[in-house]
Amino acid sequence: MRRDRINSSIEQLKTLLTPEFLNQQPDSKLEKADILEMTVSFLRRQQQQQQQQQQPAFSSRSAAVNQGFSRCVHELLHFLSKDEVKTQSQRKLMNQVLSEKSALWRPW
Protein backbone atom coordinates (compact mmCIF):
# COMPACT_ATOMS: atom_id res chain seq x y z
CA MET A 1 0.00 0.00 0.00
CA ARG A 2 2.82 2.45 0.88
CA ARG A 3 4.71 1.56 -2.30
CA ASP A 4 1.53 2.10 -4.35
CA ARG A 5 1.09 5.57 -2.87
CA ILE A 6 4.71 6.46 -3.62
CA ASN A 7 4.46 5.18 -7.19
CA SER A 8 1.17 6.99 -7.71
CA SER A 9 2.65 10.27 -6.45
CA ILE A 10 5.71 9.91 -8.66
CA GLU A 11 3.47 9.28 -11.68
CA GLN A 12 1.45 12.38 -10.80
CA LEU A 13 4.64 14.42 -10.61
CA LYS A 14 5.71 13.05 -13.97
CA THR A 15 2.35 14.00 -15.49
CA LEU A 16 2.35 17.48 -13.96
CA LEU A 17 5.89 18.26 -15.03
CA THR A 18 5.99 16.56 -18.43
CA PRO A 19 6.93 19.78 -20.30
CA GLU A 20 9.80 20.34 -17.90
CA PHE A 21 11.02 16.77 -18.36
CA LEU A 22 10.83 17.03 -22.13
CA ASN A 23 13.03 20.13 -22.06
CA GLN A 24 15.72 18.40 -20.02
CA GLN A 25 15.72 14.82 -21.33
CA PRO A 26 13.42 14.53 -24.35
CA ASP A 27 14.21 10.99 -25.50
CA SER A 28 15.09 9.14 -22.34
CA LYS A 29 13.03 6.93 -20.08
CA LEU A 30 12.84 8.54 -16.70
CA GLU A 31 13.53 6.61 -13.56
CA LYS A 32 11.82 7.48 -10.29
CA ALA A 33 14.98 9.12 -8.98
CA ASP A 34 15.17 11.27 -12.15
CA ILE A 35 11.59 12.39 -11.68
CA LEU A 36 12.22 13.32 -8.06
CA GLU A 37 15.47 15.15 -8.85
CA MET A 38 13.86 17.12 -11.67
CA THR A 39 10.90 17.97 -9.47
CA VAL A 40 13.18 19.32 -6.76
CA SER A 41 15.12 21.32 -9.34
CA PHE A 42 11.91 22.72 -10.83
CA LEU A 43 10.55 23.71 -7.42
CA ARG A 44 13.82 25.42 -6.48
CA ARG A 45 13.75 27.48 -9.68
CA GLN A 46 10.14 28.43 -9.01
CA GLN A 47 11.00 29.48 -5.48
CA GLN A 48 13.95 31.60 -6.67
CA GLN A 49 11.78 33.32 -9.28
CA GLN A 50 9.14 34.04 -6.69
CA GLN A 51 11.70 35.54 -4.30
CA GLN A 52 13.15 37.71 -7.07
CA GLN A 53 9.70 39.03 -7.90
CA GLN A 54 9.03 39.87 -4.25
CA GLN A 55 12.29 41.75 -3.68
CA PRO A 56 11.47 44.86 -5.76
CA ALA A 57 8.10 45.18 -4.04
CA PHE A 58 9.73 44.98 -0.63
CA SER A 59 12.45 47.52 -1.47
CA SER A 60 9.93 50.00 -2.89
CA ARG A 61 7.77 49.65 0.23
CA SER A 62 10.86 50.10 2.39
CA ALA A 63 11.80 53.24 0.46
CA ALA A 64 8.26 54.58 0.87
CA VAL A 65 8.39 53.94 4.62
CA ASN A 66 11.77 55.69 4.90
CA GLN A 67 10.49 58.61 2.86
CA GLY A 68 7.40 58.88 5.05
CA PHE A 69 9.49 58.74 8.20
CA SER A 70 11.82 61.47 6.93
CA ARG A 71 8.81 63.60 6.04
CA CYS A 72 7.42 63.10 9.54
CA VAL A 73 10.71 64.19 11.16
CA HIS A 74 10.82 67.24 8.88
CA GLU A 75 7.25 68.18 9.85
CA LEU A 76 8.06 67.68 13.54
CA LEU A 77 11.07 69.97 13.33
CA HIS A 78 9.04 72.56 11.43
CA PHE A 79 6.30 72.44 14.05
CA LEU A 80 8.70 72.65 16.98
CA SER A 81 10.63 75.58 15.52
CA LYS A 82 7.49 77.53 14.62
CA ASP A 83 6.76 79.23 17.94
CA GLU A 84 8.98 81.90 19.41
CA VAL A 85 8.21 80.79 22.94
CA LYS A 86 9.20 77.21 23.53
CA THR A 87 8.52 75.13 26.56
CA GLN A 88 11.35 73.19 28.10
CA SER A 89 9.84 69.97 26.69
CA GLN A 90 9.76 71.43 23.17
CA ARG A 91 13.40 72.52 23.41
CA LYS A 92 14.49 69.13 24.74
CA LEU A 93 12.60 67.28 22.02
CA MET A 94 13.94 69.53 19.28
CA ASN A 95 17.53 69.19 20.57
CA GLN A 96 17.10 65.43 20.74
CA VAL A 97 15.80 65.23 17.18
CA LEU A 98 18.50 67.53 15.83
CA SER A 99 21.37 65.87 17.66
CA GLU A 100 20.40 62.32 16.74
CA LYS A 101 18.60 62.82 13.46
CA SER A 102 20.41 59.97 11.75
CA ALA A 103 20.13 57.63 14.73
CA LEU A 104 16.48 58.13 15.64
CA TRP A 105 14.63 55.25 17.17
CA ARG A 106 12.38 53.56 14.65
CA PRO A 107 9.74 51.07 15.77
CA TRP A 108 10.43 48.62 12.97
C-alpha atoms as a PDB file:
ATOM      1  CA  MET A   1       0.000   0.000   0.000  1.00  0.00           C
ATOM      2  CA  ARG A   2       2.820   2.445   0.878  1.00  0.00           C
ATOM      3  CA  ARG A   3       4.706   1.558  -2.296  1.00  0.00           C
ATOM      4  CA  ASP A   4       1.532   2.096  -4.348  1.00  0.00           C
ATOM      5  CA  ARG A   5       1.092   5.569  -2.871  1.00  0.00           C
ATOM      6  CA  ILE A   6       4.712   6.458  -3.623  1.00  0.00           C
ATOM      7  CA  ASN A   7       4.460   5.182  -7.187  1.00  0.00           C
ATOM      8  CA  SER A   8       1.171   6.994  -7.708  1.00  0.00           C
ATOM      9  CA  SER A   9       2.652  10.267  -6.451  1.00  0.00           C
ATOM     10  CA  ILE A  10       5.706   9.913  -8.657  1.00  0.00           C
ATOM     11  CA  GLU A  11       3.469   9.280 -11.682  1.00  0.00           C
ATOM     12  CA  GLN A  12       1.453  12.378 -10.804  1.00  0.00           C
ATOM     13  CA  LEU A  13       4.642  14.423 -10.610  1.00  0.00           C
ATOM     14  CA  LYS A  14       5.710  13.054 -13.968  1.00  0.00           C
ATOM     15  CA  THR A  15       2.354  14.003 -15.488  1.00  0.00           C
ATOM     16  CA  LEU A  16       2.355  17.479 -13.962  1.00  0.00           C
ATOM     17  CA  LEU A  17       5.892  18.261 -15.030  1.00  0.00           C
ATOM     18  CA  THR A  18       5.991  16.558 -18.433  1.00  0.00           C
ATOM     19  CA  PRO A  19       6.928  19.778 -20.302  1.00  0.00           C
ATOM     20  CA  GLU A  20       9.801  20.343 -17.904  1.00  0.00           C
ATOM     21  CA  PHE A  21      11.016  16.771 -18.355  1.00  0.00           C
ATOM     22  CA  LEU A  22      10.835  17.027 -22.129  1.00  0.00           C
ATOM     23  CA  ASN A  23      13.035  20.127 -22.057  1.00  0.00           C
ATOM     24  CA  GLN A  24      15.723  18.400 -20.022  1.00  0.00           C
ATOM     25  CA  GLN A  25      15.719  14.823 -21.325  1.00  0.00           C
ATOM     26  CA  PRO A  26      13.423  14.530 -24.354  1.00  0.00           C
ATOM     27  CA  ASP A  27      14.212  10.989 -25.503  1.00  0.00           C
ATOM     28  CA  SER A  28      15.087   9.138 -22.342  1.00  0.00           C
ATOM     29  CA  LYS A  29      13.028   6.928 -20.079  1.00  0.00           C
ATOM     30  CA  LEU A  30      12.841   8.544 -16.698  1.00  0.00           C
ATOM     31  CA  GLU A  31      13.530   6.607 -13.555  1.00  0.00           C
ATOM     32  CA  LYS A  32      11.815   7.485 -10.295  1.00  0.00           C
ATOM     33  CA  ALA A  33      14.978   9.124  -8.981  1.00  0.00           C
ATOM     34  CA  ASP A  34      15.172  11.270 -12.151  1.00  0.00           C
ATOM     35  CA  ILE A  35      11.588  12.391 -11.683  1.00  0.00           C
ATOM     36  CA  LEU A  36      12.217  13.316  -8.055  1.00  0.00           C
ATOM     37  CA  GLU A  37      15.466  15.154  -8.852  1.00  0.00           C
ATOM     38  CA  MET A  38      13.859  17.117 -11.674  1.00  0.00           C
ATOM     39  CA  THR A  39      10.898  17.966  -9.472  1.00  0.00           C
ATOM     40  CA  VAL A  40      13.181  19.320  -6.758  1.00  0.00           C
ATOM     41  CA  SER A  41      15.121  21.318  -9.342  1.00  0.00           C
ATOM     42  CA  PHE A  42      11.914  22.723 -10.832  1.00  0.00           C
ATOM     43  CA  LEU A  43      10.548  23.709  -7.421  1.00  0.00           C
ATOM     44  CA  ARG A  44      13.821  25.419  -6.476  1.00  0.00           C
ATOM     45  CA  ARG A  45      13.746  27.483  -9.677  1.00  0.00           C
ATOM     46  CA  GLN A  46      10.136  28.434  -9.009  1.00  0.00           C
ATOM     47  CA  GLN A  47      10.996  29.480  -5.480  1.00  0.00           C
ATOM     48  CA  GLN A  48      13.946  31.605  -6.670  1.00  0.00           C
ATOM     49  CA  GLN A  49      11.783  33.323  -9.283  1.00  0.00           C
ATOM     50  CA  GLN A  50       9.135  34.042  -6.689  1.00  0.00           C
ATOM     51  CA  GLN A  51      11.699  35.536  -4.305  1.00  0.00           C
ATOM     52  CA  GLN A  52      13.152  37.707  -7.075  1.00  0.00           C
ATOM     53  CA  GLN A  53       9.695  39.032  -7.897  1.00  0.00           C
ATOM     54  CA  GLN A  54       9.028  39.875  -4.254  1.00  0.00           C
ATOM     55  CA  GLN A  55      12.293  41.754  -3.676  1.00  0.00           C
ATOM     56  CA  PRO A  56      11.474  44.863  -5.762  1.00  0.00           C
ATOM     57  CA  ALA A  57       8.095  45.182  -4.045  1.00  0.00           C
ATOM     58  CA  PHE A  58       9.733  44.984  -0.628  1.00  0.00           C
ATOM     59  CA  SER A  59      12.453  47.518  -1.466  1.00  0.00           C
ATOM     60  CA  SER A  60       9.934  49.996  -2.892  1.00  0.00           C
ATOM     61  CA  ARG A  61       7.773  49.651   0.231  1.00  0.00           C
ATOM     62  CA  SER A  62      10.857  50.103   2.386  1.00  0.00           C
ATOM     63  CA  ALA A  63      11.796  53.242   0.457  1.00  0.00           C
ATOM     64  CA  ALA A  64       8.261  54.581   0.869  1.00  0.00           C
ATOM     65  CA  VAL A  65       8.393  53.940   4.620  1.00  0.00           C
ATOM     66  CA  ASN A  66      11.765  55.695   4.900  1.00  0.00           C
ATOM     67  CA  GLN A  67      10.488  58.608   2.857  1.00  0.00           C
ATOM     68  CA  GLY A  68       7.397  58.879   5.048  1.00  0.00           C
ATOM     69  CA  PHE A  69       9.490  58.737   8.198  1.00  0.00           C
ATOM     70  CA  SER A  70      11.815  61.469   6.928  1.00  0.00           C
ATOM     71  CA  ARG A  71       8.814  63.603   6.039  1.00  0.00           C
ATOM     72  CA  CYS A  72       7.425  63.099   9.541  1.00  0.00           C
ATOM     73  CA  VAL A  73      10.715  64.185  11.155  1.00  0.00           C
ATOM     74  CA  HIS A  74      10.820  67.238   8.882  1.00  0.00           C
ATOM     75  CA  GLU A  75       7.252  68.181   9.852  1.00  0.00           C
ATOM     76  CA  LEU A  76       8.059  67.679  13.536  1.00  0.00           C
ATOM     77  CA  LEU A  77      11.074  69.973  13.326  1.00  0.00           C
ATOM     78  CA  HIS A  78       9.042  72.558  11.427  1.00  0.00           C
ATOM     79  CA  PHE A  79       6.296  72.441  14.046  1.00  0.00           C
ATOM     80  CA  LEU A  80       8.703  72.650  16.984  1.00  0.00           C
ATOM     81  CA  SER A  81      10.633  75.583  15.516  1.00  0.00           C
ATOM     82  CA  LYS A  82       7.495  77.533  14.615  1.00  0.00           C
ATOM     83  CA  ASP A  83       6.755  79.229  17.941  1.00  0.00           C
ATOM     84  CA  GLU A  84       8.984  81.899  19.415  1.00  0.00           C
ATOM     85  CA  VAL A  85       8.212  80.793  22.941  1.00  0.00           C
ATOM     86  CA  LYS A  86       9.195  77.214  23.534  1.00  0.00           C
ATOM     87  CA  THR A  87       8.524  75.132  26.563  1.00  0.00           C
ATOM     88  CA  GLN A  88      11.348  73.189  28.099  1.00  0.00           C
ATOM     89  CA  SER A  89       9.836  69.966  26.686  1.00  0.00           C
ATOM     90  CA  GLN A  90       9.759  71.433  23.173  1.00  0.00           C
ATOM     91  CA  ARG A  91      13.398  72.522  23.410  1.00  0.00           C
ATOM     92  CA  LYS A  92      14.487  69.125  24.739  1.00  0.00           C
ATOM     93  CA  LEU A  93      12.600  67.283  22.015  1.00  0.00           C
ATOM     94  CA  MET A  94      13.945  69.534  19.284  1.00  0.00           C
ATOM     95  CA  ASN A  95      17.525  69.189  20.568  1.00  0.00           C
ATOM     96  CA  GLN A  96      17.102  65.433  20.736  1.00  0.00           C
ATOM     97  CA  VAL A  97      15.796  65.230  17.175  1.00  0.00           C
ATOM     98  CA  LEU A  98      18.499  67.535  15.826  1.00  0.00           C
ATOM     99  CA  SER A  99      21.371  65.875  17.657  1.00  0.00           C
ATOM    100  CA  GLU A 100      20.404  62.318  16.742  1.00  0.00           C
ATOM    101  CA  LYS A 101      18.604  62.820  13.461  1.00  0.00           C
ATOM    102  CA  SER A 102      20.410  59.966  11.749  1.00  0.00           C
ATOM    103  CA  ALA A 103      20.125  57.631  14.730  1.00  0.00           C
ATOM    104  CA  LEU A 104      16.483  58.130  15.643  1.00  0.00           C
ATOM    105  CA  TRP A 105      14.633  55.248  17.168  1.00  0.00           C
ATOM    106  CA  ARG A 106      12.375  53.560  14.652  1.00  0.00           C
ATOM    107  CA  PRO A 107       9.740  51.070  15.771  1.00  0.00           C
ATOM    108  CA  TRP A 108      10.429  48.619  12.967  1.00  0.00           C
END
